[in-house]
Amino acid sequence: MKTILLIEDNADLRKNTAETLEFANYKVLTAENGREGVAIAIEHKPDVIICDILMPVMDGYGVINILQKNPRTQHIPFIFLSAKTERDEIRKGMEYGADDYITKPFNDTELLT
């Protein structure tokens, strides 16, 4: 079973997204902020990381920056999940090294694909 780390500060969105992923037979680890997410990623080395950008404590850009410098986590596929939908914001996310960028709101099919 593949493991996904979901880093999202909105409790309802975190819960609903985790349930969708679990229903699709993924093991889901969750974190409510970037600092917690980095610690979980280093400890558990998930198969994929889905991370919000705008969060307290540490934003998504900080998360990807730290994880890309760590040999244990630098090759984990990283997907930004954000309400920032402007083209330049998406480009910025990709320039930071994200493998994909999903904009909020999103549907289950878009998430699972």
N, C-alpha and C. Protein backbone atom coordinates (compact mmCIF):
# COMPACT_ATOMS: atom_id res chain seq x y z
N MET A 1 0.84 -1.18 0.00
CA MET A 1 0.00 0.00 0.00
C MET A 1 0.89 1.24 0.00
N LYS A 2 0.63 2.16 -0.90
CA LYS A 2 1.38 3.41 -1.01
C LYS A 2 0.97 4.37 0.10
N THR A 3 1.93 5.14 0.58
CA THR A 3 1.68 6.11 1.64
C THR A 3 1.77 7.52 1.10
N ILE A 4 0.78 8.34 1.45
CA ILE A 4 0.75 9.74 1.05
C ILE A 4 0.79 10.60 2.31
N LEU A 5 1.65 11.60 2.30
CA LEU A 5 1.68 12.58 3.37
C LEU A 5 0.91 13.80 2.89
N LEU A 6 -0.11 14.18 3.63
CA LEU A 6 -0.94 15.34 3.32
C LEU A 6 -0.64 16.43 4.34
N ILE A 7 -0.11 17.55 3.87
CA ILE A 7 0.21 18.68 4.75
C ILE A 7 -0.76 19.81 4.41
N GLU A 8 -1.69 20.07 5.31
CA GLU A 8 -2.77 21.04 5.06
C GLU A 8 -3.23 21.61 6.39
N ASP A 9 -3.28 22.94 6.50
CA ASP A 9 -3.65 23.55 7.78
C ASP A 9 -5.16 23.61 8.02
N ASN A 10 -5.97 23.53 6.98
CA ASN A 10 -7.43 23.57 7.15
C ASN A 10 -7.91 22.18 7.58
N ALA A 11 -8.43 22.10 8.81
CA ALA A 11 -8.79 20.79 9.39
C ALA A 11 -9.84 20.06 8.57
N ASP A 12 -10.87 20.75 8.11
CA ASP A 12 -11.93 20.09 7.32
C ASP A 12 -11.40 19.57 6.00
N LEU A 13 -10.62 20.39 5.31
CA LEU A 13 -10.06 19.97 4.03
C LEU A 13 -9.08 18.81 4.23
N ARG A 14 -8.29 18.89 5.29
CA ARG A 14 -7.33 17.81 5.60
C ARG A 14 -8.07 16.50 5.84
N LYS A 15 -9.13 16.55 6.63
CA LYS A 15 -9.91 15.35 6.95
C LYS A 15 -10.59 14.78 5.71
N ASN A 16 -11.25 15.63 4.93
CA ASN A 16 -11.97 15.17 3.74
C ASN A 16 -11.02 14.62 2.68
N THR A 17 -9.90 15.28 2.47
CA THR A 17 -8.93 14.82 1.48
C THR A 17 -8.31 13.49 1.92
N ALA A 18 -7.99 13.38 3.20
CA ALA A 18 -7.44 12.12 3.72
C ALA A 18 -8.43 10.98 3.53
N GLU A 19 -9.71 11.24 3.80
CA GLU A 19 -10.73 10.20 3.62
C GLU A 19 -10.83 9.76 2.17
N THR A 20 -10.78 10.72 1.25
CA THR A 20 -10.82 10.39 -0.18
C THR A 20 -9.65 9.49 -0.56
N LEU A 21 -8.47 9.83 -0.09
CA LEU A 21 -7.27 9.05 -0.41
C LEU A 21 -7.32 7.66 0.23
N GLU A 22 -7.79 7.60 1.47
CA GLU A 22 -7.91 6.30 2.15
C GLU A 22 -8.92 5.41 1.44
N PHE A 23 -10.02 5.99 0.97
CA PHE A 23 -11.04 5.24 0.24
C PHE A 23 -10.45 4.65 -1.04
N ALA A 24 -9.43 5.32 -1.60
CA ALA A 24 -8.76 4.85 -2.81
C ALA A 24 -7.59 3.92 -2.47
N ASN A 25 -7.57 3.43 -1.24
CA ASN A 25 -6.57 2.44 -0.78
C ASN A 25 -5.15 2.99 -0.61
N TYR A 26 -5.04 4.23 -0.18
CA TYR A 26 -3.75 4.78 0.20
C TYR A 26 -3.69 4.87 1.71
N LYS A 27 -2.51 4.68 2.26
CA LYS A 27 -2.28 4.98 3.67
C LYS A 27 -1.98 6.47 3.71
N VAL A 28 -2.63 7.21 4.61
CA VAL A 28 -2.47 8.66 4.64
C VAL A 28 -1.92 9.11 5.99
N LEU A 29 -0.84 9.84 5.94
CA LEU A 29 -0.29 10.53 7.10
C LEU A 29 -0.66 12.00 6.96
N THR A 30 -1.01 12.66 8.03
CA THR A 30 -1.40 14.07 7.92
C THR A 30 -0.58 14.95 8.85
N ALA A 31 -0.45 16.20 8.43
CA ALA A 31 0.23 17.22 9.23
C ALA A 31 -0.54 18.52 9.07
N GLU A 32 -0.63 19.29 10.15
CA GLU A 32 -1.41 20.53 10.09
C GLU A 32 -0.56 21.76 9.80
N ASN A 33 0.76 21.59 9.71
CA ASN A 33 1.62 22.71 9.32
C ASN A 33 2.90 22.17 8.70
N GLY A 34 3.66 23.06 8.10
CA GLY A 34 4.85 22.65 7.38
C GLY A 34 5.93 22.03 8.24
N ARG A 35 6.14 22.57 9.43
CA ARG A 35 7.19 22.04 10.31
C ARG A 35 6.87 20.59 10.68
N GLU A 36 5.61 20.34 11.04
CA GLU A 36 5.18 18.98 11.38
C GLU A 36 5.31 18.07 10.16
N GLY A 37 4.96 18.59 8.98
CA GLY A 37 5.05 17.82 7.75
C GLY A 37 6.46 17.40 7.41
N VAL A 38 7.41 18.31 7.59
CA VAL A 38 8.81 17.98 7.33
C VAL A 38 9.27 16.85 8.25
N ALA A 39 8.92 16.93 9.53
CA ALA A 39 9.33 15.90 10.49
C ALA A 39 8.74 14.54 10.11
N ILE A 40 7.47 14.52 9.71
CA ILE A 40 6.83 13.27 9.32
C ILE A 40 7.46 12.71 8.05
N ALA A 41 7.74 13.59 7.08
CA ALA A 41 8.35 13.15 5.82
C ALA A 41 9.71 12.51 6.06
N ILE A 42 10.51 13.12 6.91
CA ILE A 42 11.85 12.58 7.19
C ILE A 42 11.75 11.25 7.93
N GLU A 43 10.83 11.17 8.88
CA GLU A 43 10.69 9.94 9.68
C GLU A 43 10.08 8.78 8.90
N HIS A 44 9.04 9.06 8.11
CA HIS A 44 8.27 7.98 7.48
C HIS A 44 8.57 7.78 5.99
N LYS A 45 9.20 8.75 5.34
CA LYS A 45 9.53 8.68 3.91
C LYS A 45 8.33 8.18 3.08
N PRO A 46 7.28 9.01 2.97
CA PRO A 46 6.10 8.60 2.20
C PRO A 46 6.41 8.46 0.71
N ASP A 47 5.48 7.85 -0.02
CA ASP A 47 5.65 7.68 -1.47
C ASP A 47 5.36 8.96 -2.23
N VAL A 48 4.47 9.79 -1.68
CA VAL A 48 4.07 11.06 -2.30
C VAL A 48 3.76 12.05 -1.19
N ILE A 49 4.04 13.33 -1.45
CA ILE A 49 3.69 14.40 -0.52
C ILE A 49 2.76 15.36 -1.23
N ILE A 50 1.63 15.66 -0.61
CA ILE A 50 0.69 16.67 -1.09
C ILE A 50 0.70 17.78 -0.05
N CYS A 51 1.01 19.00 -0.48
CA CYS A 51 1.28 20.07 0.49
C CYS A 51 0.63 21.39 0.08
N ASP A 52 -0.09 21.99 1.02
CA ASP A 52 -0.64 23.33 0.84
C ASP A 52 0.53 24.32 0.79
N ILE A 53 0.29 25.50 0.26
CA ILE A 53 1.34 26.52 0.23
C ILE A 53 1.21 27.49 1.40
N LEU A 54 0.03 28.08 1.56
CA LEU A 54 -0.17 29.08 2.61
C LEU A 54 -0.55 28.41 3.92
N MET A 55 0.42 28.32 4.85
CA MET A 55 0.18 27.69 6.15
C MET A 55 0.96 28.46 7.21
N PRO A 56 0.48 28.38 8.46
CA PRO A 56 1.26 28.97 9.55
C PRO A 56 2.48 28.11 9.86
N VAL A 57 3.38 28.62 10.64
CA VAL A 57 4.60 27.98 11.11
C VAL A 57 5.63 27.86 9.98
N MET A 58 5.30 27.14 8.90
CA MET A 58 6.19 27.03 7.74
C MET A 58 5.32 26.83 6.51
N ASP A 59 5.53 27.64 5.47
CA ASP A 59 4.71 27.50 4.27
C ASP A 59 5.22 26.36 3.38
N GLY A 60 4.46 26.07 2.33
CA GLY A 60 4.80 24.97 1.44
C GLY A 60 6.14 25.14 0.74
N TYR A 61 6.50 26.39 0.44
CA TYR A 61 7.80 26.63 -0.20
C TYR A 61 8.94 26.25 0.74
N GLY A 62 8.77 26.55 2.02
CA GLY A 62 9.78 26.15 3.01
C GLY A 62 9.88 24.64 3.12
N VAL A 63 8.72 23.98 3.07
CA VAL A 63 8.69 22.51 3.15
C VAL A 63 9.47 21.89 2.01
N ILE A 64 9.14 22.28 0.78
CA ILE A 64 9.80 21.67 -0.38
C ILE A 64 11.29 22.01 -0.39
N ASN A 65 11.65 23.21 0.04
CA ASN A 65 13.05 23.61 0.07
C ASN A 65 13.85 22.72 1.02
N ILE A 66 13.33 22.46 2.21
CA ILE A 66 14.02 21.60 3.18
C ILE A 66 14.09 20.15 2.69
N LEU A 67 12.96 19.65 2.18
CA LEU A 67 12.92 18.24 1.77
C LEU A 67 13.80 17.96 0.57
N GLN A 68 13.95 18.93 -0.32
CA GLN A 68 14.81 18.73 -1.50
C GLN A 68 16.29 18.71 -1.13
N LYS A 69 16.65 19.28 0.01
CA LYS A 69 18.05 19.29 0.45
C LYS A 69 18.42 18.05 1.26
N ASN A 70 17.42 17.26 1.63
CA ASN A 70 17.65 16.08 2.45
C ASN A 70 17.71 14.84 1.54
N PRO A 71 18.83 14.11 1.55
CA PRO A 71 18.95 12.93 0.68
C PRO A 71 17.85 11.89 0.91
N ARG A 72 17.32 11.84 2.12
CA ARG A 72 16.26 10.86 2.45
C ARG A 72 14.93 11.22 1.79
N THR A 73 14.70 12.49 1.53
CA THR A 73 13.38 12.92 1.03
C THR A 73 13.41 13.61 -0.33
N GLN A 74 14.57 13.88 -0.87
CA GLN A 74 14.66 14.70 -2.08
C GLN A 74 14.04 14.08 -3.33
N HIS A 75 13.85 12.78 -3.34
CA HIS A 75 13.28 12.13 -4.53
C HIS A 75 11.80 11.79 -4.39
N ILE A 76 11.18 12.20 -3.29
CA ILE A 76 9.76 11.92 -3.10
C ILE A 76 8.95 12.87 -3.98
N PRO A 77 8.04 12.34 -4.81
CA PRO A 77 7.19 13.22 -5.62
C PRO A 77 6.42 14.20 -4.73
N PHE A 78 6.37 15.46 -5.14
CA PHE A 78 5.81 16.54 -4.33
C PHE A 78 4.76 17.28 -5.14
N ILE A 79 3.56 17.39 -4.58
CA ILE A 79 2.45 18.06 -5.25
C ILE A 79 1.96 19.20 -4.38
N PHE A 80 1.96 20.42 -4.94
CA PHE A 80 1.37 21.54 -4.22
C PHE A 80 -0.15 21.49 -4.39
N LEU A 81 -0.84 21.84 -3.32
CA LEU A 81 -2.30 21.93 -3.29
C LEU A 81 -2.60 23.33 -2.78
N SER A 82 -3.16 24.19 -3.64
CA SER A 82 -3.26 25.59 -3.21
C SER A 82 -4.44 26.31 -3.81
N ALA A 83 -4.90 27.32 -3.09
CA ALA A 83 -5.94 28.22 -3.60
C ALA A 83 -5.32 29.27 -4.51
N LYS A 84 -4.01 29.33 -4.57
CA LYS A 84 -3.32 30.28 -5.45
C LYS A 84 -3.41 29.77 -6.88
N THR A 85 -4.28 30.37 -7.67
CA THR A 85 -4.57 29.85 -9.00
C THR A 85 -3.96 30.67 -10.14
N GLU A 86 -3.31 31.79 -9.83
CA GLU A 86 -2.74 32.62 -10.88
C GLU A 86 -1.59 31.88 -11.56
N ARG A 87 -1.46 32.09 -12.84
CA ARG A 87 -0.44 31.41 -13.64
C ARG A 87 0.96 31.57 -13.05
N ASP A 88 1.30 32.79 -12.61
CA ASP A 88 2.64 33.00 -12.06
C ASP A 88 2.84 32.26 -10.74
N GLU A 89 1.78 32.06 -9.97
CA GLU A 89 1.88 31.30 -8.72
C GLU A 89 2.13 29.81 -9.03
N ILE A 90 1.41 29.30 -10.02
CA ILE A 90 1.61 27.90 -10.43
C ILE A 90 3.04 27.71 -10.94
N ARG A 91 3.49 28.64 -11.76
CA ARG A 91 4.86 28.59 -12.30
C ARG A 91 5.87 28.61 -11.15
N LYS A 92 5.63 29.47 -10.15
CA LYS A 92 6.54 29.56 -9.00
C LYS A 92 6.62 28.22 -8.28
N GLY A 93 5.47 27.58 -8.09
CA GLY A 93 5.45 26.27 -7.44
C GLY A 93 6.26 25.24 -8.21
N MET A 94 6.13 25.26 -9.52
CA MET A 94 6.86 24.32 -10.35
C MET A 94 8.37 24.64 -10.33
N GLU A 95 8.70 25.92 -10.30
CA GLU A 95 10.11 26.31 -10.25
C GLU A 95 10.77 25.88 -8.93
N TYR A 96 9.98 25.79 -7.88
CA TYR A 96 10.51 25.30 -6.60
C TYR A 96 10.78 23.80 -6.65
N GLY A 97 10.29 23.14 -7.68
CA GLY A 97 10.58 21.72 -7.85
C GLY A 97 9.39 20.80 -7.68
N ALA A 98 8.19 21.35 -7.56
CA ALA A 98 7.00 20.50 -7.42
C ALA A 98 6.80 19.68 -8.68
N ASP A 99 6.29 18.47 -8.50
CA ASP A 99 6.00 17.59 -9.64
C ASP A 99 4.64 17.90 -10.24
N ASP A 100 3.75 18.49 -9.45
CA ASP A 100 2.43 18.86 -9.93
C ASP A 100 1.88 19.95 -9.03
N TYR A 101 0.75 20.54 -9.45
CA TYR A 101 0.14 21.66 -8.74
C TYR A 101 -1.37 21.52 -8.92
N ILE A 102 -2.07 21.27 -7.83
CA ILE A 102 -3.53 21.14 -7.88
C ILE A 102 -4.12 22.39 -7.24
N THR A 103 -5.07 23.01 -7.93
CA THR A 103 -5.68 24.21 -7.39
C THR A 103 -6.98 23.89 -6.66
N LYS A 104 -7.23 24.62 -5.58
CA LYS A 104 -8.47 24.50 -4.81
C LYS A 104 -9.50 25.43 -5.43
N PRO A 105 -10.75 25.06 -5.48
CA PRO A 105 -11.26 23.74 -5.09
C PRO A 105 -10.93 22.70 -6.16
N PHE A 106 -10.89 21.45 -5.75
CA PHE A 106 -10.59 20.36 -6.67
C PHE A 106 -11.60 19.25 -6.42
N ASN A 107 -11.72 18.34 -7.39
CA ASN A 107 -12.63 17.20 -7.19
C ASN A 107 -11.81 15.93 -6.94
N ASP A 108 -12.49 14.88 -6.51
CA ASP A 108 -11.80 13.64 -6.16
C ASP A 108 -11.03 13.07 -7.34
N THR A 109 -11.60 13.13 -8.53
CA THR A 109 -10.94 12.58 -9.72
C THR A 109 -9.63 13.32 -9.99
N GLU A 110 -9.67 14.63 -9.89
CA GLU A 110 -8.47 15.44 -10.11
C GLU A 110 -7.39 15.10 -9.09
N LEU A 111 -7.78 14.93 -7.85
CA LEU A 111 -6.84 14.57 -6.79
C LEU A 111 -6.22 13.20 -7.03
N LEU A 112 -7.03 12.22 -7.33
CA LEU A 112 -6.53 10.86 -7.50
C LEU A 112 -5.70 10.68 -8.76
N THR A 113 -5.97 11.46 -9.77
CA THR A 113 -5.19 11.38 -11.00
C THR A 113 -3.80 11.92 -10.75
